[in-house]
PDB file of N, CA and C in Angstrom:
ATOM      1  N   MET A   1      88.842  54.050  84.129  1.00  0.00           N
ATOM      2  CA  MET A   1      89.218  54.994  83.110  1.00  0.00           C
ATOM      3  C   MET A   1      90.604  55.531  83.427  1.00  0.00           C
ATOM      4  N   SER A   2      91.414  55.616  82.416  1.00  0.00           N
ATOM      5  CA  SER A   2      92.772  56.127  82.554  1.00  0.00           C
ATOM      6  C   SER A   2      92.849  57.519  81.917  1.00  0.00           C
ATOM      7  N   LEU A   3      93.480  58.445  82.611  1.00  0.00           N
ATOM      8  CA  LEU A   3      93.636  59.812  82.108  1.00  0.00           C
ATOM      9  C   LEU A   3      95.105  60.102  81.823  1.00  0.00           C
ATOM     10  N   ALA A   4      95.348  60.899  80.799  1.00  0.00           N
ATOM     11  CA  ALA A   4      96.714  61.307  80.461  1.00  0.00           C
ATOM     12  C   ALA A   4      96.765  62.828  80.413  1.00  0.00           C
ATOM     13  N   LEU A   5      97.821  63.408  80.952  1.00  0.00           N
ATOM     14  CA  LEU A   5      98.002  64.857  80.930  1.00  0.00           C
ATOM     15  C   LEU A   5      98.152  65.329  79.494  1.00  0.00           C
ATOM     16  N   ARG A   6      97.326  66.306  79.100  1.00  0.00           N
ATOM     17  CA  ARG A   6      97.346  66.831  77.732  1.00  0.00           C
ATOM     18  C   ARG A   6      98.163  68.099  77.615  1.00  0.00           C
ATOM     19  N   GLY A   7      98.321  68.832  78.701  1.00  0.00           N
ATOM     20  CA  GLY A   7      99.075  70.076  78.654  1.00  0.00           C
ATOM     21  C   GLY A   7      98.711  70.988  79.803  1.00  0.00           C
ATOM     22  N   TYR A   8      99.197  72.210  79.711  1.00  0.00           N
ATOM     23  CA  TYR A   8      98.980  73.218  80.743  1.00  0.00           C
ATOM     24  C   TYR A   8      98.403  74.476  80.116  1.00  0.00           C
ATOM     25  N   VAL A   9      97.683  75.243  80.918  1.00  0.00           N
ATOM     26  CA  VAL A   9      97.124  76.511  80.476  1.00  0.00           C
ATOM     27  C   VAL A   9      97.806  77.622  81.274  1.00  0.00           C
ATOM     28  N   VAL A  10      98.377  78.584  80.570  1.00  0.00           N
ATOM     29  CA  VAL A  10      99.012  79.726  81.242  1.00  0.00           C
ATOM     30  C   VAL A  10      97.914  80.685  81.668  1.00  0.00           C
ATOM     31  N   LEU A  11      97.884  81.003  82.949  1.00  0.00           N
ATOM     32  CA  LEU A  11      96.874  81.896  83.510  1.00  0.00           C
ATOM     33  C   LEU A  11      97.529  83.175  84.030  1.00  0.00           C
ATOM     34  N   PRO A  12      96.731  84.225  84.235  1.00  0.00           N
ATOM     35  CA  PRO A  12      97.299  85.476  84.742  1.00  0.00           C
ATOM     36  C   PRO A  12      97.979  85.268  86.092  1.00  0.00           C
ATOM     37  N   PRO A  13      99.072  85.973  86.318  1.00  0.00           N
ATOM     38  CA  PRO A  13      99.750  85.859  87.608  1.00  0.00           C
ATOM     39  C   PRO A  13      98.881  86.432  88.720  1.00  0.00           C
ATOM     40  N   HIS A  14      99.166  85.994  89.946  1.00  0.00           N
ATOM     41  CA  HIS A  14      98.446  86.525  91.090  1.00  0.00           C
ATOM     42  C   HIS A  14      99.366  86.552  92.295  1.00  0.00           C
ATOM     43  N   GLY A  15      99.003  87.398  93.233  1.00  0.00           N
ATOM     44  CA  GLY A  15      99.766  87.501  94.472  1.00  0.00           C
ATOM     45  C   GLY A  15      99.326  86.413  95.429  1.00  0.00           C
ATOM     46  N   VAL A  16      99.022  86.827  96.634  1.00  0.00           N
ATOM     47  CA  VAL A  16      98.585  85.885  97.658  1.00  0.00           C
ATOM     48  C   VAL A  16      97.173  85.413  97.325  1.00  0.00           C
ATOM     49  N   GLY A  17      96.954  84.135  97.440  1.00  0.00           N
ATOM     50  CA  GLY A  17      95.629  83.597  97.180  1.00  0.00           C
ATOM     51  C   GLY A  17      95.697  82.390  96.281  1.00  0.00           C
ATOM     52  N   ASP A  18      94.552  82.045  95.720  1.00  0.00           N
ATOM     53  CA  ASP A  18      94.476  80.781  95.007  1.00  0.00           C
ATOM     54  C   ASP A  18      93.328  80.792  94.012  1.00  0.00           C
ATOM     55  N   PHE A  19      93.010  79.602  93.517  1.00  0.00           N
ATOM     56  CA  PHE A  19      91.855  79.376  92.668  1.00  0.00           C
ATOM     57  C   PHE A  19      90.814  78.641  93.486  1.00  0.00           C
ATOM     58  N   ASP A  20      89.604  78.602  92.989  1.00  0.00           N
ATOM     59  CA  ASP A  20      88.549  77.836  93.641  1.00  0.00           C
ATOM     60  C   ASP A  20      87.866  76.982  92.585  1.00  0.00           C
ATOM     61  N   HIS A  21      86.638  76.679  92.788  1.00  0.00           N
ATOM     62  CA  HIS A  21      85.910  75.759  91.914  1.00  0.00           C
ATOM     63  C   HIS A  21      85.751  76.274  90.497  1.00  0.00           C
ATOM     64  N   GLY A  22      85.585  75.346  89.583  1.00  0.00           N
ATOM     65  CA  GLY A  22      85.343  75.665  88.195  1.00  0.00           C
ATOM     66  C   GLY A  22      84.289  74.723  87.629  1.00  0.00           C
ATOM     67  N   ASP A  23      83.883  75.001  86.404  1.00  0.00           N
ATOM     68  CA  ASP A  23      82.903  74.157  85.739  1.00  0.00           C
ATOM     69  C   ASP A  23      83.135  74.249  84.232  1.00  0.00           C
ATOM     70  N   VAL A  24      82.560  73.301  83.492  1.00  0.00           N
ATOM     71  CA  VAL A  24      82.710  73.240  82.040  1.00  0.00           C
ATOM     72  C   VAL A  24      81.354  73.471  81.383  1.00  0.00           C
ATOM     73  N   HIS A  25      81.325  74.342  80.377  1.00  0.00           N
ATOM     74  CA  HIS A  25      80.136  74.469  79.540  1.00  0.00           C
ATOM     75  C   HIS A  25      80.368  73.533  78.358  1.00  0.00           C
ATOM     76  N   LEU A  26      79.651  72.417  78.341  1.00  0.00           N
ATOM     77  CA  LEU A  26      79.922  71.340  77.396  1.00  0.00           C
ATOM     78  C   LEU A  26      79.744  71.742  75.930  1.00  0.00           C
ATOM     79  N   ASN A  27      78.721  72.528  75.610  1.00  0.00           N
ATOM     80  CA  ASN A  27      78.475  72.879  74.205  1.00  0.00           C
ATOM     81  C   ASN A  27      79.562  73.763  73.610  1.00  0.00           C
ATOM     82  N   THR A  28      80.196  74.584  74.420  1.00  0.00           N
ATOM     83  CA  THR A  28      81.237  75.482  73.906  1.00  0.00           C
ATOM     84  C   THR A  28      82.640  74.972  74.200  1.00  0.00           C
ATOM     85  N   GLY A  29      82.772  74.013  75.107  1.00  0.00           N
ATOM     86  CA  GLY A  29      84.089  73.521  75.485  1.00  0.00           C
ATOM     87  C   GLY A  29      84.877  74.511  76.317  1.00  0.00           C
ATOM     88  N   ARG A  30      84.196  75.472  76.924  1.00  0.00           N
ATOM     89  CA  ARG A  30      84.875  76.469  77.754  1.00  0.00           C
ATOM     90  C   ARG A  30      84.869  76.019  79.211  1.00  0.00           C
ATOM     91  N   VAL A  31      85.982  76.273  79.882  1.00  0.00           N
ATOM     92  CA  VAL A  31      86.116  75.994  81.306  1.00  0.00           C
ATOM     93  C   VAL A  31      86.122  77.338  82.025  1.00  0.00           C
ATOM     94  N   PHE A  32      85.283  77.477  83.031  1.00  0.00           N
ATOM     95  CA  PHE A  32      85.179  78.710  83.812  1.00  0.00           C
ATOM     96  C   PHE A  32      85.723  78.421  85.208  1.00  0.00           C
ATOM     97  N   VAL A  33      86.729  79.195  85.640  1.00  0.00           N
ATOM     98  CA  VAL A  33      87.379  78.954  86.926  1.00  0.00           C
ATOM     99  C   VAL A  33      87.367  80.226  87.751  1.00  0.00           C
ATOM    100  N   ALA A  34      86.944  80.107  89.005  1.00  0.00           N
ATOM    101  CA  ALA A  34      87.001  81.239  89.932  1.00  0.00           C
ATOM    102  C   ALA A  34      88.458  81.469  90.338  1.00  0.00           C
ATOM    103  N   HIS A  35      89.007  82.631  89.977  1.00  0.00           N
ATOM    104  CA  HIS A  35      90.380  83.006  90.335  1.00  0.00           C
ATOM    105  C   HIS A  35      90.282  83.923  91.553  1.00  0.00           C
ATOM    106  N   THR A  36      90.184  83.293  92.703  1.00  0.00           N
ATOM    107  CA  THR A  36      89.924  83.988  93.966  1.00  0.00           C
ATOM    108  C   THR A  36      90.942  85.087  94.230  1.00  0.00           C
ATOM    109  N   ALA A  37      92.199  84.828  93.975  1.00  0.00           N
ATOM    110  CA  ALA A  37      93.262  85.790  94.272  1.00  0.00           C
ATOM    111  C   ALA A  37      93.143  87.068  93.447  1.00  0.00           C
ATOM    112  N   ASN A  38      92.589  86.977  92.230  1.00  0.00           N
ATOM    113  CA  ASN A  38      92.487  88.147  91.347  1.00  0.00           C
ATOM    114  C   ASN A  38      91.080  88.730  91.270  1.00  0.00           C
ATOM    115  N   ASP A  39      90.144  88.150  92.032  1.00  0.00           N
ATOM    116  CA  ASP A  39      88.750  88.622  92.000  1.00  0.00           C
ATOM    117  C   ASP A  39      88.168  88.545  90.590  1.00  0.00           C
ATOM    118  N   THR A  40      88.483  87.469  89.878  1.00  0.00           N
ATOM    119  CA  THR A  40      88.046  87.302  88.496  1.00  0.00           C
ATOM    120  C   THR A  40      87.531  85.885  88.265  1.00  0.00           C
ATOM    121  N   VAL A  41      86.937  85.691  87.097  1.00  0.00           N
ATOM    122  CA  VAL A  41      86.624  84.356  86.591  1.00  0.00           C
ATOM    123  C   VAL A  41      87.390  84.209  85.283  1.00  0.00           C
ATOM    124  N   GLU A  42      88.167  83.150  85.181  1.00  0.00           N
ATOM    125  CA  GLU A  42      88.958  82.900  83.980  1.00  0.00           C
ATOM    126  C   GLU A  42      88.169  82.000  83.033  1.00  0.00           C
ATOM    127  N   ILE A  43      88.181  82.331  81.742  1.00  0.00           N
ATOM    128  CA  ILE A  43      87.540  81.496  80.728  1.00  0.00           C
ATOM    129  C   ILE A  43      88.638  80.835  79.906  1.00  0.00           C
ATOM    130  N   ILE A  44      88.620  79.518  79.903  1.00  0.00           N
ATOM    131  CA  ILE A  44      89.664  78.735  79.237  1.00  0.00           C
ATOM    132  C   ILE A  44      89.051  77.978  78.067  1.00  0.00           C
ATOM    133  N   ASP A  45      89.693  78.056  76.913  1.00  0.00           N
ATOM    134  CA  ASP A  45      89.312  77.260  75.756  1.00  0.00           C
ATOM    135  C   ASP A  45      89.966  75.888  75.932  1.00  0.00           C
ATOM    136  N   ALA A  46      89.157  74.887  76.219  1.00  0.00           N
ATOM    137  CA  ALA A  46      89.691  73.562  76.535  1.00  0.00           C
ATOM    138  C   ALA A  46      90.291  72.857  75.325  1.00  0.00           C
ATOM    139  N   GLU A  47      89.826  73.172  74.129  1.00  0.00           N
ATOM    140  CA  GLU A  47      90.388  72.550  72.933  1.00  0.00           C
ATOM    141  C   GLU A  47      91.791  73.069  72.644  1.00  0.00           C
ATOM    142  N   ARG A  48      91.975  74.380  72.729  1.00  0.00           N
ATOM    143  CA  ARG A  48      93.271  74.999  72.435  1.00  0.00           C
ATOM    144  C   ARG A  48      94.180  75.069  73.660  1.00  0.00           C
ATOM    145  N   LEU A  49      93.631  74.762  74.836  1.00  0.00           N
ATOM    146  CA  LEU A  49      94.361  74.878  76.098  1.00  0.00           C
ATOM    147  C   LEU A  49      94.935  76.285  76.267  1.00  0.00           C
ATOM    148  N   GLU A  50      94.065  77.287  76.073  1.00  0.00           N
ATOM    149  CA  GLU A  50      94.485  78.692  76.178  1.00  0.00           C
ATOM    150  C   GLU A  50      93.469  79.490  76.968  1.00  0.00           C
ATOM    151  N   LEU A  51      93.986  80.483  77.682  1.00  0.00           N
ATOM    152  CA  LEU A  51      93.109  81.433  78.339  1.00  0.00           C
ATOM    153  C   LEU A  51      92.428  82.253  77.263  1.00  0.00           C
ATOM    154  N   GLU A  52      91.100  82.257  77.260  1.00  0.00           N
ATOM    155  CA  GLU A  52      90.351  83.023  76.262  1.00  0.00           C
ATOM    156  C   GLU A  52      90.150  84.459  76.711  1.00  0.00           C
ATOM    157  N   ARG A  53      89.718  84.621  77.952  1.00  0.00           N
ATOM    158  CA  ARG A  53      89.558  85.967  78.499  1.00  0.00           C
ATOM    159  C   ARG A  53      89.310  85.888  79.992  1.00  0.00           C
ATOM    160  N   THR A  54      89.328  87.063  80.619  1.00  0.00           N
ATOM    161  CA  THR A  54      89.125  87.189  82.052  1.00  0.00           C
ATOM    162  C   THR A  54      87.908  88.059  82.309  1.00  0.00           C
ATOM    163  N   LEU A  55      87.022  87.574  83.180  1.00  0.00           N
ATOM    164  CA  LEU A  55      85.861  88.359  83.596  1.00  0.00           C
ATOM    165  C   LEU A  55      86.184  89.003  84.936  1.00  0.00           C
ATOM    166  N   PRO A  56      86.273  90.331  85.015  1.00  0.00           N
ATOM    167  CA  PRO A  56      86.569  90.994  86.275  1.00  0.00           C
ATOM    168  C   PRO A  56      85.322  91.101  87.160  1.00  0.00           C
ATOM    169  N   GLY A  57      85.517  91.550  88.375  1.00  0.00           N
ATOM    170  CA  GLY A  57      84.396  91.881  89.242  1.00  0.00           C
ATOM    171  C   GLY A  57      83.783  90.736  90.012  1.00  0.00           C
ATOM    172  N   CYS A  58      84.596  89.760  90.398  1.00  0.00           N
ATOM    173  CA  CYS A  58      84.102  88.639  91.200  1.00  0.00           C
ATOM    174  C   CYS A  58      84.927  88.548  92.486  1.00  0.00           C
ATOM    175  N   PRO A  59      84.726  89.505  93.409  1.00  0.00           N
ATOM    176  CA  PRO A  59      85.528  89.546  94.630  1.00  0.00           C
ATOM    177  C   PRO A  59      85.446  88.259  95.448  1.00  0.00           C
ATOM    178  N   GLU A  60      86.609  87.685  95.725  1.00  0.00           N
ATOM    179  CA  GLU A  60      86.723  86.453  96.507  1.00  0.00           C
ATOM    180  C   GLU A  60      85.870  85.338  95.906  1.00  0.00           C
ATOM    181  N   GLY A  61      85.950  85.189  94.580  1.00  0.00           N
ATOM    182  CA  GLY A  61      85.171  84.160  93.885  1.00  0.00           C
ATOM    183  C   GLY A  61      85.391  82.796  94.505  1.00  0.00           C
ATOM    184  N   SER A  62      84.293  82.089  94.778  1.00  0.00           N
ATOM    185  CA  SER A  62      84.427  80.812  95.481  1.00  0.00           C
ATOM    186  C   SER A  62      83.777  79.648  94.759  1.00  0.00           C
ATOM    187  N   GLY A  63      83.279  79.856  93.582  1.00  0.00           N
ATOM    188  CA  GLY A  63      82.686  78.742  92.866  1.00  0.00           C
ATOM    189  C   GLY A  63      82.035  79.206  91.584  1.00  0.00           C
ATOM    190  N   VAL A  64      81.969  78.304  90.623  1.00  0.00           N
ATOM    191  CA  VAL A  64      81.366  78.604  89.326  1.00  0.00           C
ATOM    192  C   VAL A  64      80.463  77.440  88.943  1.00  0.00           C
ATOM    193  N   LEU A  65      79.322  77.772  88.338  1.00  0.00           N
ATOM    194  CA  LEU A  65      78.396  76.765  87.841  1.00  0.00           C
ATOM    195  C   LEU A  65      77.943  77.181  86.451  1.00  0.00           C
ATOM    196  N   CYS A  66      78.032  76.263  85.502  1.00  0.00           N
ATOM    197  CA  CYS A  66      77.584  76.523  84.131  1.00  0.00           C
ATOM    198  C   CYS A  66      76.274  75.791  83.889  1.00  0.00           C
ATOM    199  N   ALA A  67      75.244  76.539  83.474  1.00  0.00           N
ATOM    200  CA  ALA A  67      73.999  75.905  83.040  1.00  0.00           C
ATOM    201  C   ALA A  67      74.250  75.384  81.632  1.00  0.00           C
ATOM    202  N   GLN A  68      73.890  74.153  81.393  1.00  0.00           N
ATOM    203  CA  GLN A  68      74.158  73.535  80.099  1.00  0.00           C
ATOM    204  C   GLN A  68      73.056  73.890  79.102  1.00  0.00           C
ATOM    205  N   GLY A  69      73.415  74.039  77.850  1.00  0.00           N
ATOM    206  CA  GLY A  69      72.466  74.385  76.801  1.00  0.00           C
ATOM    207  C   GLY A  69      73.197  75.093  75.686  1.00  0.00           C
ATOM    208  N   ASP A  70      72.445  75.593  74.714  1.00  0.00           N
ATOM    209  CA  ASP A  70      73.055  76.250  73.560  1.00  0.00           C
ATOM    210  C   ASP A  70      73.729  77.567  73.912  1.00  0.00           C
ATOM    211  N   ASP A  71      73.141  78.337  74.807  1.00  0.00           N
ATOM    212  CA  ASP A  71      73.716  79.622  75.218  1.00  0.00           C
ATOM    213  C   ASP A  71      74.330  79.498  76.596  1.00  0.00           C
ATOM    214  N   PRO A  72      75.596  79.916  76.738  1.00  0.00           N
ATOM    215  CA  PRO A  72      76.228  79.835  78.047  1.00  0.00           C
ATOM    216  C   PRO A  72      75.506  80.701  79.073  1.00  0.00           C
ATOM    217  N   LEU A  73      75.269  80.152  80.235  1.00  0.00           N
ATOM    218  CA  LEU A  73      74.743  80.870  81.386  1.00  0.00           C
ATOM    219  C   LEU A  73      75.633  80.447  82.542  1.00  0.00           C
ATOM    220  N   VAL A  74      76.404  81.386  83.056  1.00  0.00           N
ATOM    221  CA  VAL A  74      77.427  81.065  84.041  1.00  0.00           C
ATOM    222  C   VAL A  74      77.164  81.832  85.329  1.00  0.00           C
ATOM    223  N   PHE A  75      77.198  81.119  86.443  1.00  0.00           N
ATOM    224  CA  PHE A  75      77.004  81.715  87.760  1.00  0.00           C
ATOM    225  C   PHE A  75      78.306  81.604  88.541  1.00  0.00           C
ATOM    226  N   ALA A  76      78.597  82.627  89.339  1.00  0.00           N
ATOM    227  CA  ALA A  76      79.774  82.589  90.209  1.00  0.00           C
ATOM    228  C   ALA A  76      79.419  83.207  91.552  1.00  0.00           C
ATOM    229  N   ALA A  77      79.897  82.601  92.603  1.00  0.00           N
ATOM    230  CA  ALA A  77      79.701  83.129  93.950  1.00  0.00           C
ATOM    231  C   ALA A  77      80.834  84.098  94.260  1.00  0.00           C
ATOM    232  N   ALA A  78      80.475  85.299  94.705  1.00  0.00           N
ATOM    233  CA  ALA A  78      81.454  86.308  95.122  1.00  0.00           C
ATOM    234  C   ALA A  78      81.300  86.490  96.627  1.00  0.00           C
ATOM    235  N   ARG A  79      82.204  85.890  97.403  1.00  0.00           N
ATOM    236  CA  ARG A  79      82.108  85.951  98.856  1.00  0.00           C
ATOM    237  C   ARG A  79      82.263  87.357  99.395  1.00  0.00           C
ATOM    238  N   GLY A  80      83.143  88.166  98.753  1.00  0.00           N
ATOM    239  CA  GLY A  80      83.393  89.519  99.250  1.00  0.00           C
ATOM    240  C   GLY A  80      82.112  90.307  99.471  1.00  0.00           C
ATOM    241  N   PRO A  81      81.341  90.567  98.408  1.00  0.00           N
ATOM    242  CA  PRO A  81      80.107  91.325  98.571  1.00  0.00           C
ATOM    243  C   PRO A  81      78.884  90.449  98.865  1.00  0.00           C
ATOM    244  N   GLU A  82      79.114  89.118  99.037  1.00  0.00           N
ATOM    245  CA  GLU A  82      78.032  88.173  99.297  1.00  0.00           C
ATOM    246  C   GLU A  82      76.979  88.241  98.195  1.00  0.00           C
ATOM    247  N   GLU A  83      77.437  88.032  96.947  1.00  0.00           N
ATOM    248  CA  GLU A  83      76.567  88.092  95.778  1.00  0.00           C
ATOM    249  C   GLU A  83      76.740  86.844  94.921  1.00  0.00           C
ATOM    250  N   CYS A  84      75.741  86.581  94.125  1.00  0.00           N
ATOM    251  CA  CYS A  84      75.833  85.555  93.100  1.00  0.00           C
ATOM    252  C   CYS A  84      75.784  86.289  91.755  1.00  0.00           C
ATOM    253  N   LEU A  85      76.840  86.180  90.988  1.00  0.00           N
ATOM    254  CA  LEU A  85      76.942  86.875  89.702  1.00  0.00           C
ATOM    255  C   LEU A  85      76.464  85.939  88.596  1.00  0.00           C
ATOM    256  N   CYS A  86      75.947  86.524  87.521  1.00  0.00           N
ATOM    257  CA  CYS A  86      75.467  85.729  86.397  1.00  0.00           C
ATOM    258  C   CYS A  86      75.914  86.398  85.099  1.00  0.00           C
ATOM    259  N   TRP A  87      76.488  85.599  84.192  1.00  0.00           N
ATOM    260  CA  TRP A  87      76.895  86.076  82.866  1.00  0.00           C
ATOM    261  C   TRP A  87      76.163  85.259  81.811  1.00  0.00           C
ATOM    262  N   THR A  88      75.855  85.908  80.724  1.00  0.00           N
ATOM    263  CA  THR A  88      75.288  85.235  79.574  1.00  0.00           C
ATOM    264  C   THR A  88      75.928  85.830  78.326  1.00  0.00           C
ATOM    265  N   ARG A  89      75.724  85.214  77.223  1.00  0.00           N
ATOM    266  CA  ARG A  89      76.324  85.686  75.975  1.00  0.00           C
ATOM    267  C   ARG A  89      75.699  86.975  75.531  1.00  0.00           C
TER     268      ARG A  89
END
């Protein structure tokens, strides 16, 4: 399979740090990425290649998992407080 670059997504700036794992919710086409440096999870609209919104409160986010189905169910690991966060619609 051959892949071609489609574009870039502008994300919020951050200081020291990085991003970590992400996942795709197939039914909505949203990409969820742990933004470790900002203690957030970024939601990206993959069709428009745009940041849709930012979910705060994920200290030292280290991974995201999307349960597939009609309603988004998103889990993120927060290393800072040693918690697993869960969001739903």
